[in-house]
Amino acid sequence: MQTKIRDGKRRGGRPKIDTPSVVDVHVGARVRLRRTLLGLSQERLGNAIGLTFQQIQKYERGANRIGASRLFEMARVLDVPIQYFFEEMHTEPATEGYQPQSSSEPPSEVLEPDPMPKRETLELVKAYYRIPDPQLRRKLFDLAKALATFASGEGKTF
């Protein structure tokens, strides 16, 4: 809890930082991904948990940290377990504590950008799940995997 500002200095509460935490950005991206997959607007999600769409935008960008009770409420509304928001997050071993990677250090490996936040990926997933026949969905899944294998050069046997 913050106390009054005296002499232009903030007292109490979390210190103001210039860049969002890696964890906050990741959790926000997972909120956005799930919200988009469900076809919810920021406004509808905000209404469901008593927030404005601007607050949802800040959470999704990682500009504002999502508190435990708010995250619990989002998990309920988005119909996911709490751990969903932390899946695929890369951290140091728990014994060493979480340390965000410094941007001045080169990454140990070059990673492809995450395709999940892309609109194309979300539209593809939505279209896939609109196919009512599970066997037809499975055939499309197998076809996509085969095409990806062939395109990457792994499946060429000439």
Protein backbone atom coordinates (compact mmCIF):
# COMPACT_ATOMS: atom_id res chain seq x y z
CA MET A 1 0.00 0.00 0.00
CA GLN A 2 1.30 3.42 -0.90
CA THR A 3 1.38 6.33 1.46
CA LYS A 4 1.09 9.98 0.51
CA ILE A 5 3.73 11.55 -1.66
CA ARG A 6 5.89 14.04 0.24
CA ASP A 7 8.68 16.13 -1.19
CA GLY A 8 7.98 14.58 -4.62
CA LYS A 9 8.96 11.10 -3.43
CA ARG A 10 6.79 8.01 -3.53
CA ARG A 11 6.61 6.03 -0.31
CA GLY A 12 5.69 2.38 0.11
CA GLY A 13 4.47 -0.05 -2.50
CA ARG A 14 6.37 -1.63 -5.33
CA PRO A 15 9.15 0.53 -6.87
CA LYS A 16 8.35 1.95 -10.31
CA ILE A 17 10.38 0.29 -13.07
CA ASP A 18 10.80 1.40 -16.69
CA THR A 19 10.30 -1.97 -18.36
CA PRO A 20 7.77 -4.68 -17.54
CA SER A 21 8.91 -7.89 -15.92
CA VAL A 22 9.47 -10.85 -18.24
CA VAL A 23 7.00 -12.80 -16.10
CA ASP A 24 4.33 -10.08 -16.36
CA VAL A 25 4.73 -9.92 -20.14
CA HIS A 26 4.47 -13.73 -20.44
CA VAL A 27 1.37 -13.95 -18.22
CA GLY A 28 -0.23 -11.07 -20.14
CA ALA A 29 0.47 -12.78 -23.46
CA ARG A 30 -1.17 -15.97 -22.16
CA VAL A 31 -4.24 -13.96 -21.08
CA ARG A 32 -4.43 -12.43 -24.57
CA LEU A 33 -3.99 -15.82 -26.26
CA ARG A 34 -6.76 -17.48 -24.27
CA ARG A 35 -9.10 -14.49 -24.57
CA THR A 36 -8.61 -14.44 -28.35
CA LEU A 37 -9.08 -18.20 -28.70
CA LEU A 38 -12.39 -17.87 -26.86
CA GLY A 39 -13.42 -15.01 -29.13
CA LEU A 40 -13.74 -12.54 -26.24
CA SER A 41 -13.05 -8.85 -26.70
CA GLN A 42 -11.00 -6.99 -24.10
CA GLU A 43 -14.19 -5.19 -23.15
CA ARG A 44 -16.15 -8.43 -22.53
CA LEU A 45 -13.34 -9.90 -20.44
CA GLY A 46 -13.09 -6.66 -18.49
CA ASN A 47 -16.83 -6.60 -17.85
CA ALA A 48 -16.73 -10.20 -16.63
CA ILE A 49 -14.17 -9.36 -13.95
CA GLY A 50 -15.09 -5.75 -13.23
CA LEU A 51 -12.36 -3.94 -15.17
CA THR A 52 -12.16 -1.57 -18.13
CA PHE A 53 -10.77 -2.71 -21.46
CA GLN A 54 -7.84 -0.32 -20.89
CA GLN A 55 -6.90 -2.24 -17.75
CA ILE A 56 -7.07 -5.51 -19.70
CA GLN A 57 -4.80 -3.96 -22.37
CA LYS A 58 -2.24 -3.03 -19.70
CA TYR A 59 -2.35 -6.55 -18.24
CA GLU A 60 -1.92 -8.12 -21.69
CA ARG A 61 1.10 -5.94 -22.48
CA GLY A 62 2.64 -6.68 -19.10
CA ALA A 63 2.57 -2.97 -18.20
CA ASN A 64 0.53 -3.79 -15.08
CA ARG A 65 1.18 -6.79 -12.88
CA ILE A 66 -1.79 -9.11 -12.35
CA GLY A 67 -2.34 -9.81 -8.65
CA ALA A 68 -3.10 -13.30 -7.35
CA SER A 69 -6.82 -12.72 -6.74
CA ARG A 70 -7.25 -11.09 -10.16
CA LEU A 71 -5.34 -13.93 -11.85
CA PHE A 72 -7.57 -16.42 -10.05
CA GLU A 73 -10.66 -14.60 -11.36
CA MET A 74 -9.25 -14.49 -14.91
CA ALA A 75 -8.55 -18.22 -14.79
CA ARG A 76 -12.16 -18.83 -13.78
CA VAL A 77 -13.59 -16.59 -16.53
CA LEU A 78 -11.21 -17.94 -19.20
CA ASP A 79 -11.83 -21.53 -18.00
CA VAL A 80 -8.19 -22.51 -17.51
CA PRO A 81 -6.16 -23.65 -14.50
CA ILE A 82 -3.84 -21.05 -12.92
CA GLN A 83 -0.76 -22.86 -14.23
CA TYR A 84 -1.93 -22.17 -17.80
CA PHE A 85 -0.63 -18.61 -17.47
CA PHE A 86 2.89 -19.85 -16.66
CA GLU A 87 3.16 -22.67 -19.22
CA GLU A 88 6.10 -22.43 -21.62
CA MET A 89 7.80 -19.78 -19.48
CA HIS A 90 11.56 -20.24 -19.31
CA THR A 91 13.07 -19.66 -15.87
CA GLU A 92 16.20 -20.53 -13.98
CA PRO A 93 16.03 -23.49 -11.57
CA ALA A 94 13.89 -22.74 -8.50
CA THR A 95 16.86 -23.04 -6.14
CA GLU A 96 18.55 -20.10 -7.85
CA GLY A 97 15.40 -17.96 -8.03
CA TYR A 98 14.00 -16.25 -11.08
CA GLN A 99 16.42 -13.94 -12.87
CA PRO A 100 15.25 -12.20 -16.05
CA GLN A 101 17.86 -12.43 -18.80
CA SER A 102 19.78 -9.23 -19.38
CA SER A 103 19.15 -7.77 -22.82
CA SER A 104 22.88 -7.08 -23.17
CA GLU A 105 23.73 -10.78 -23.09
CA PRO A 106 23.40 -12.67 -26.37
CA PRO A 107 20.89 -15.52 -26.19
CA SER A 108 22.44 -18.96 -25.83
CA GLU A 109 20.40 -20.14 -28.80
CA VAL A 110 18.44 -18.41 -31.51
CA LEU A 111 14.75 -19.11 -31.03
CA GLU A 112 11.98 -18.66 -33.56
CA PRO A 113 9.42 -16.06 -32.49
CA ASP A 114 6.44 -17.61 -30.71
CA PRO A 115 3.73 -18.13 -33.36
CA MET A 116 0.89 -18.32 -30.82
CA PRO A 117 0.19 -14.57 -30.46
CA LYS A 118 -0.04 -14.12 -34.25
CA ARG A 119 -3.54 -13.52 -35.62
CA GLU A 120 -2.93 -16.10 -38.39
CA THR A 121 -2.26 -18.82 -35.81
CA LEU A 122 -5.34 -17.93 -33.81
CA GLU A 123 -7.54 -17.92 -36.90
CA LEU A 124 -6.14 -21.30 -37.95
CA VAL A 125 -6.84 -22.82 -34.53
CA LYS A 126 -10.38 -21.41 -34.49
CA ALA A 127 -11.08 -22.75 -38.00
CA TYR A 128 -9.65 -26.15 -37.04
CA TYR A 129 -11.97 -26.48 -34.06
CA ARG A 130 -14.98 -25.41 -36.14
CA ILE A 131 -14.63 -28.68 -38.09
CA PRO A 132 -17.30 -30.81 -36.40
CA ASP A 133 -16.01 -34.24 -37.48
CA PRO A 134 -13.12 -35.38 -35.22
CA GLN A 135 -11.81 -37.82 -37.85
CA LEU A 136 -11.68 -35.08 -40.48
CA ARG A 137 -9.92 -32.79 -37.97
CA ARG A 138 -7.36 -35.55 -37.33
CA LYS A 139 -6.73 -35.99 -41.08
CA LEU A 140 -6.16 -32.24 -41.43
CA PHE A 141 -3.77 -32.36 -38.46
CA ASP A 142 -1.82 -35.25 -40.04
CA LEU A 143 -1.72 -33.42 -43.40
CA ALA A 144 -0.36 -30.24 -41.77
CA LYS A 145 2.36 -32.23 -39.98
CA ALA A 146 3.32 -34.01 -43.21
CA LEU A 147 3.49 -30.72 -45.13
CA ALA A 148 5.66 -29.15 -42.41
CA THR A 149 8.01 -32.13 -42.43
CA PHE A 150 8.28 -32.03 -46.22
CA ALA A 151 8.78 -28.25 -46.35
CA SER A 152 11.57 -28.38 -43.74
CA GLY A 153 13.48 -30.90 -45.86
CA GLU A 154 13.11 -33.75 -43.39
CA GLY A 155 10.70 -35.67 -45.61
CA LYS A 156 12.49 -35.37 -48.96
CA THR A 157 13.60 -38.77 -50.17
CA PHE A 158 14.66 -37.97 -53.74
